[in-house]
Amino acid sequence: TNDVLAWFPEQSVLFCGDLVFNGGTPFLLMGSVAGAVDALEQAVLPLGARTIVPGHGPVFEGTAPVEATLDYLRFVLDLAARGQAAGVSPLEAARATDLGRFTDWPDAERIVGNLHRAYAELAGTTRGGPIDVMGALADMVTYNRGKPLTCLALSVPYDSAWSSPTWRLSERASTGPIRPTAQVQGTVTRCRRWRRRCRGWRPALRTYL
């Protein structure tokens, strides 16, 4: 959801945004795992681009990174279906799973967020529909052994007035919802402000928040 492709047929160059992560773990918490699969299979691959510019990672030729992304997304969908059938949470399913060839991909903890999205859609949530984002991020921190999550969506320079774009989540309260720290709230504000500032000259700019 909310991804834009830019196709230059004469040069056979495709800008595919965050539909493809070349060398990194895709993140579909605010998108759709099933929708990304459809987009890659039905829109990206049929174009037969010679050169592809991904949302993250180096430019490449051929389809290997696209196929690798598809393999990962299908892995997530399969794991979500099995986990939901077994009655386990996304975090429990992720912890009990060997990521195999995807283990060494950066930001492996995104498996938890991706499972939250896949679980929700299996339960009837529309693609890209609202889910408990803060709860999913907190589970990602737990999976990551308490290490903070890094927001790598801001690929453009920013001045020193901006603090490091890192999400830090407080622990889940036993009697209430996740309460984000001031740093999380500040990061959300900064990401949104930066998106507004760049809208006029970088329409493809996307952030996770």
Protein backbone atom coordinates (compact mmCIF):
# COMPACT_ATOMS: atom_id res chain seq x y z
CA THR A 1 0.00 0.00 0.00
CA ASN A 2 1.08 3.58 -0.73
CA ASP A 3 4.10 2.60 -2.87
CA VAL A 4 4.84 4.26 -6.20
CA LEU A 5 6.72 2.78 -9.16
CA ALA A 6 8.62 4.96 -11.64
CA TRP A 7 9.21 3.14 -14.94
CA PHE A 8 11.47 4.43 -17.73
CA PRO A 9 10.91 1.96 -20.60
CA GLU A 10 13.45 3.43 -23.03
CA GLN A 11 16.22 3.00 -20.46
CA SER A 12 14.61 -0.11 -18.95
CA VAL A 13 15.06 1.39 -15.49
CA LEU A 14 12.55 0.86 -12.67
CA PHE A 15 12.40 2.78 -9.39
CA CYS A 16 10.42 0.48 -7.12
CA GLY A 17 10.61 2.19 -3.74
CA ASP A 18 10.25 0.11 -0.60
CA LEU A 19 8.72 -2.81 -2.45
CA VAL A 20 12.27 -4.15 -2.69
CA PHE A 21 15.00 -4.14 -0.04
CA ASN A 22 18.28 -5.22 -1.61
CA GLY A 23 20.26 -6.80 1.21
CA GLY A 24 17.90 -5.90 4.04
CA THR A 25 14.75 -7.15 5.74
CA PRO A 26 11.50 -5.75 4.27
CA PHE A 27 9.20 -3.97 6.72
CA LEU A 28 5.45 -4.18 6.04
CA LEU A 29 4.00 -3.34 9.46
CA MET A 30 2.28 -0.25 8.04
CA GLY A 31 1.67 -1.80 4.64
CA SER A 32 0.61 -5.26 3.52
CA VAL A 33 2.63 -8.45 3.20
CA ALA A 34 0.14 -10.04 0.81
CA GLY A 35 -0.20 -6.77 -1.09
CA ALA A 36 3.56 -6.52 -1.54
CA VAL A 37 3.64 -10.05 -2.95
CA ASP A 38 0.92 -9.16 -5.45
CA ALA A 39 2.68 -5.96 -6.47
CA LEU A 40 6.01 -7.71 -7.04
CA GLU A 41 4.47 -10.60 -8.95
CA GLN A 42 1.95 -8.63 -10.98
CA ALA A 43 3.65 -5.26 -11.50
CA VAL A 44 7.40 -5.33 -10.90
CA LEU A 45 8.49 -8.63 -12.44
CA PRO A 46 6.33 -8.40 -15.61
CA LEU A 47 8.04 -5.13 -16.57
CA GLY A 48 11.29 -7.02 -17.11
CA ALA A 49 13.44 -4.06 -16.10
CA ARG A 50 17.13 -4.32 -16.87
CA THR A 51 18.07 -2.02 -13.97
CA ILE A 52 16.15 -1.68 -10.70
CA VAL A 53 16.59 1.01 -8.08
CA PRO A 54 15.31 -0.38 -4.75
CA GLY A 55 14.05 1.57 -1.79
CA HIS A 56 17.02 0.34 0.26
CA GLY A 57 20.33 -1.14 -0.84
CA PRO A 58 22.37 -0.86 -4.02
CA VAL A 59 21.02 -0.58 -7.54
CA PHE A 60 21.01 -3.94 -9.30
CA GLU A 61 20.42 -5.69 -12.61
CA GLY A 62 18.35 -8.84 -13.03
CA THR A 63 15.68 -10.09 -10.66
CA ALA A 64 17.60 -11.87 -7.88
CA PRO A 65 16.84 -9.29 -5.12
CA VAL A 66 13.18 -9.19 -6.18
CA GLU A 67 12.97 -12.97 -6.00
CA ALA A 68 14.71 -12.92 -2.61
CA THR A 69 12.21 -10.36 -1.31
CA LEU A 70 9.36 -12.53 -2.56
CA ASP A 71 10.85 -15.58 -0.88
CA TYR A 72 10.97 -13.71 2.42
CA LEU A 73 7.42 -12.40 2.14
CA ARG A 74 6.08 -15.86 1.30
CA PHE A 75 8.00 -17.18 4.30
CA VAL A 76 6.24 -14.60 6.49
CA LEU A 77 2.81 -15.48 5.10
CA ASP A 78 3.39 -19.20 5.63
CA LEU A 79 4.67 -18.67 9.16
CA ALA A 80 1.72 -16.42 9.99
CA ALA A 81 -0.78 -19.01 8.79
CA ARG A 82 0.89 -21.75 10.82
CA GLY A 83 1.28 -19.58 13.90
CA GLN A 84 -2.30 -18.41 13.85
CA ALA A 85 -3.55 -21.97 13.40
CA ALA A 86 -1.45 -23.03 16.39
CA GLY A 87 -2.85 -20.20 18.52
CA VAL A 88 0.50 -18.53 19.22
CA SER A 89 1.24 -14.82 19.10
CA PRO A 90 3.39 -13.20 16.39
CA LEU A 91 6.22 -12.80 18.91
CA GLU A 92 6.00 -16.44 19.98
CA ALA A 93 5.92 -17.60 16.36
CA ALA A 94 8.99 -15.52 15.55
CA ARG A 95 10.93 -16.76 18.57
CA ALA A 96 10.20 -20.39 17.72
CA THR A 97 11.26 -20.00 14.08
CA ASP A 98 14.61 -20.47 12.41
CA LEU A 99 14.94 -17.63 9.91
CA GLY A 100 17.28 -19.74 7.82
CA ARG A 101 18.76 -17.83 4.90
CA PHE A 102 17.18 -14.60 6.20
CA THR A 103 18.94 -14.72 9.58
CA ASP A 104 21.83 -12.52 8.52
CA TRP A 105 19.71 -9.87 6.82
CA PRO A 106 19.92 -6.53 8.69
CA ASP A 107 17.02 -5.75 11.02
CA ALA A 108 15.95 -9.37 11.37
CA GLU A 109 13.61 -8.36 14.22
CA ARG A 110 11.25 -7.00 11.58
CA ILE A 111 9.94 -10.55 11.28
CA VAL A 112 7.80 -9.73 14.34
CA GLY A 113 6.28 -6.58 12.86
CA ASN A 114 5.67 -8.33 9.56
CA LEU A 115 3.95 -11.18 11.37
CA HIS A 116 1.71 -8.73 13.22
CA ARG A 117 0.58 -7.37 9.84
CA ALA A 118 0.13 -10.82 8.30
CA TYR A 119 -1.82 -12.06 11.35
CA ALA A 120 -4.13 -9.05 11.18
CA GLU A 121 -4.90 -9.58 7.51
CA LEU A 122 -5.55 -13.27 8.07
CA ALA A 123 -8.04 -12.20 10.74
CA GLY A 124 -9.86 -9.95 8.28
CA THR A 125 -8.11 -6.58 8.55
CA THR A 126 -8.01 -4.85 5.18
CA ARG A 127 -4.64 -4.48 3.49
CA GLY A 128 -2.94 -1.52 5.08
CA GLY A 129 -5.72 -1.23 7.65
CA PRO A 130 -5.12 -0.04 11.23
CA ILE A 131 -3.41 -2.38 13.68
CA ASP A 132 -1.66 -2.01 17.05
CA VAL A 133 1.58 -0.52 15.74
CA MET A 134 3.04 0.38 19.12
CA GLY A 135 2.35 -3.11 20.46
CA ALA A 136 4.07 -4.62 17.42
CA LEU A 137 7.11 -2.35 17.84
CA ALA A 138 7.32 -3.30 21.50
CA ASP A 139 7.32 -6.98 20.54
CA MET A 140 10.11 -6.24 18.08
CA VAL A 141 12.18 -4.74 20.89
CA THR A 142 11.50 -7.81 23.03
CA TYR A 143 12.56 -10.11 20.18
CA ASN A 144 15.66 -7.92 19.77
CA ARG A 145 16.59 -8.60 23.43
CA GLY A 146 15.76 -5.09 24.53
CA LYS A 147 17.91 -3.32 21.95
CA PRO A 148 16.28 -0.19 20.48
CA LEU A 149 15.02 -0.20 16.93
CA THR A 150 16.61 2.05 14.35
CA CYS A 151 14.55 4.10 11.90
CA LEU A 152 16.47 3.77 8.64
CA ALA A 153 13.71 5.22 6.44
CA LEU A 154 15.28 8.69 6.51
CA SER A 155 17.83 8.23 3.76
CA VAL A 156 18.31 11.98 3.18
CA PRO A 157 20.69 14.16 5.25
CA TYR A 158 19.35 16.06 8.20
CA ASP A 159 20.93 18.74 10.33
CA SER A 160 22.36 18.41 13.81
CA ALA A 161 19.19 19.79 15.36
CA TRP A 162 17.67 16.39 14.78
CA SER A 163 18.53 13.70 17.26
CA SER A 164 19.32 10.15 16.18
CA PRO A 165 16.16 8.63 14.63
CA THR A 166 15.86 5.79 17.11
CA TRP A 167 12.69 4.31 18.54
CA ARG A 168 12.83 3.52 22.24
CA LEU A 169 9.80 1.85 23.72
CA SER A 170 8.89 1.59 27.35
CA GLU A 171 8.02 -1.84 28.65
CA ARG A 172 4.46 -3.03 28.21
CA ALA A 173 2.36 -2.15 31.25
CA SER A 174 0.62 -5.18 32.67
CA THR A 175 -2.64 -3.28 33.09
CA GLY A 176 -2.64 -0.99 30.08
CA PRO A 177 -1.40 -0.25 26.57
CA ILE A 178 2.13 0.55 25.53
CA ARG A 179 3.15 4.04 26.57
CA PRO A 180 5.81 5.40 24.20
CA THR A 181 8.65 7.40 25.67
CA ALA A 182 9.13 11.05 24.77
CA GLN A 183 11.88 10.00 22.36
CA VAL A 184 9.41 7.88 20.35
CA GLN A 185 6.89 10.72 20.24
CA GLY A 186 9.60 13.16 19.18
CA THR A 187 10.78 10.86 16.41
CA VAL A 188 7.25 10.57 15.06
CA THR A 189 6.93 14.35 15.01
CA ARG A 190 10.29 14.85 13.30
CA CYS A 191 9.58 12.21 10.63
CA ARG A 192 6.25 13.79 9.79
CA ARG A 193 7.73 17.30 9.71
CA TRP A 194 10.54 16.13 7.40
CA ARG A 195 8.04 14.45 5.09
CA ARG A 196 6.07 17.70 4.80
CA ARG A 197 9.22 19.71 4.08
CA CYS A 198 10.33 17.34 1.34
CA ARG A 199 6.95 16.79 -0.30
CA GLY A 200 7.52 19.44 -2.93
CA TRP A 201 10.80 18.08 -4.27
CA ARG A 202 10.86 14.42 -3.31
CA PRO A 203 7.39 12.93 -3.90
CA ALA A 204 8.68 9.41 -3.35
CA LEU A 205 9.89 10.15 0.19
CA ARG A 206 8.38 7.63 2.58
CA THR A 207 8.81 7.08 6.27
CA TYR A 208 7.61 4.29 8.49
CA LEU A 209 5.67 6.68 10.70
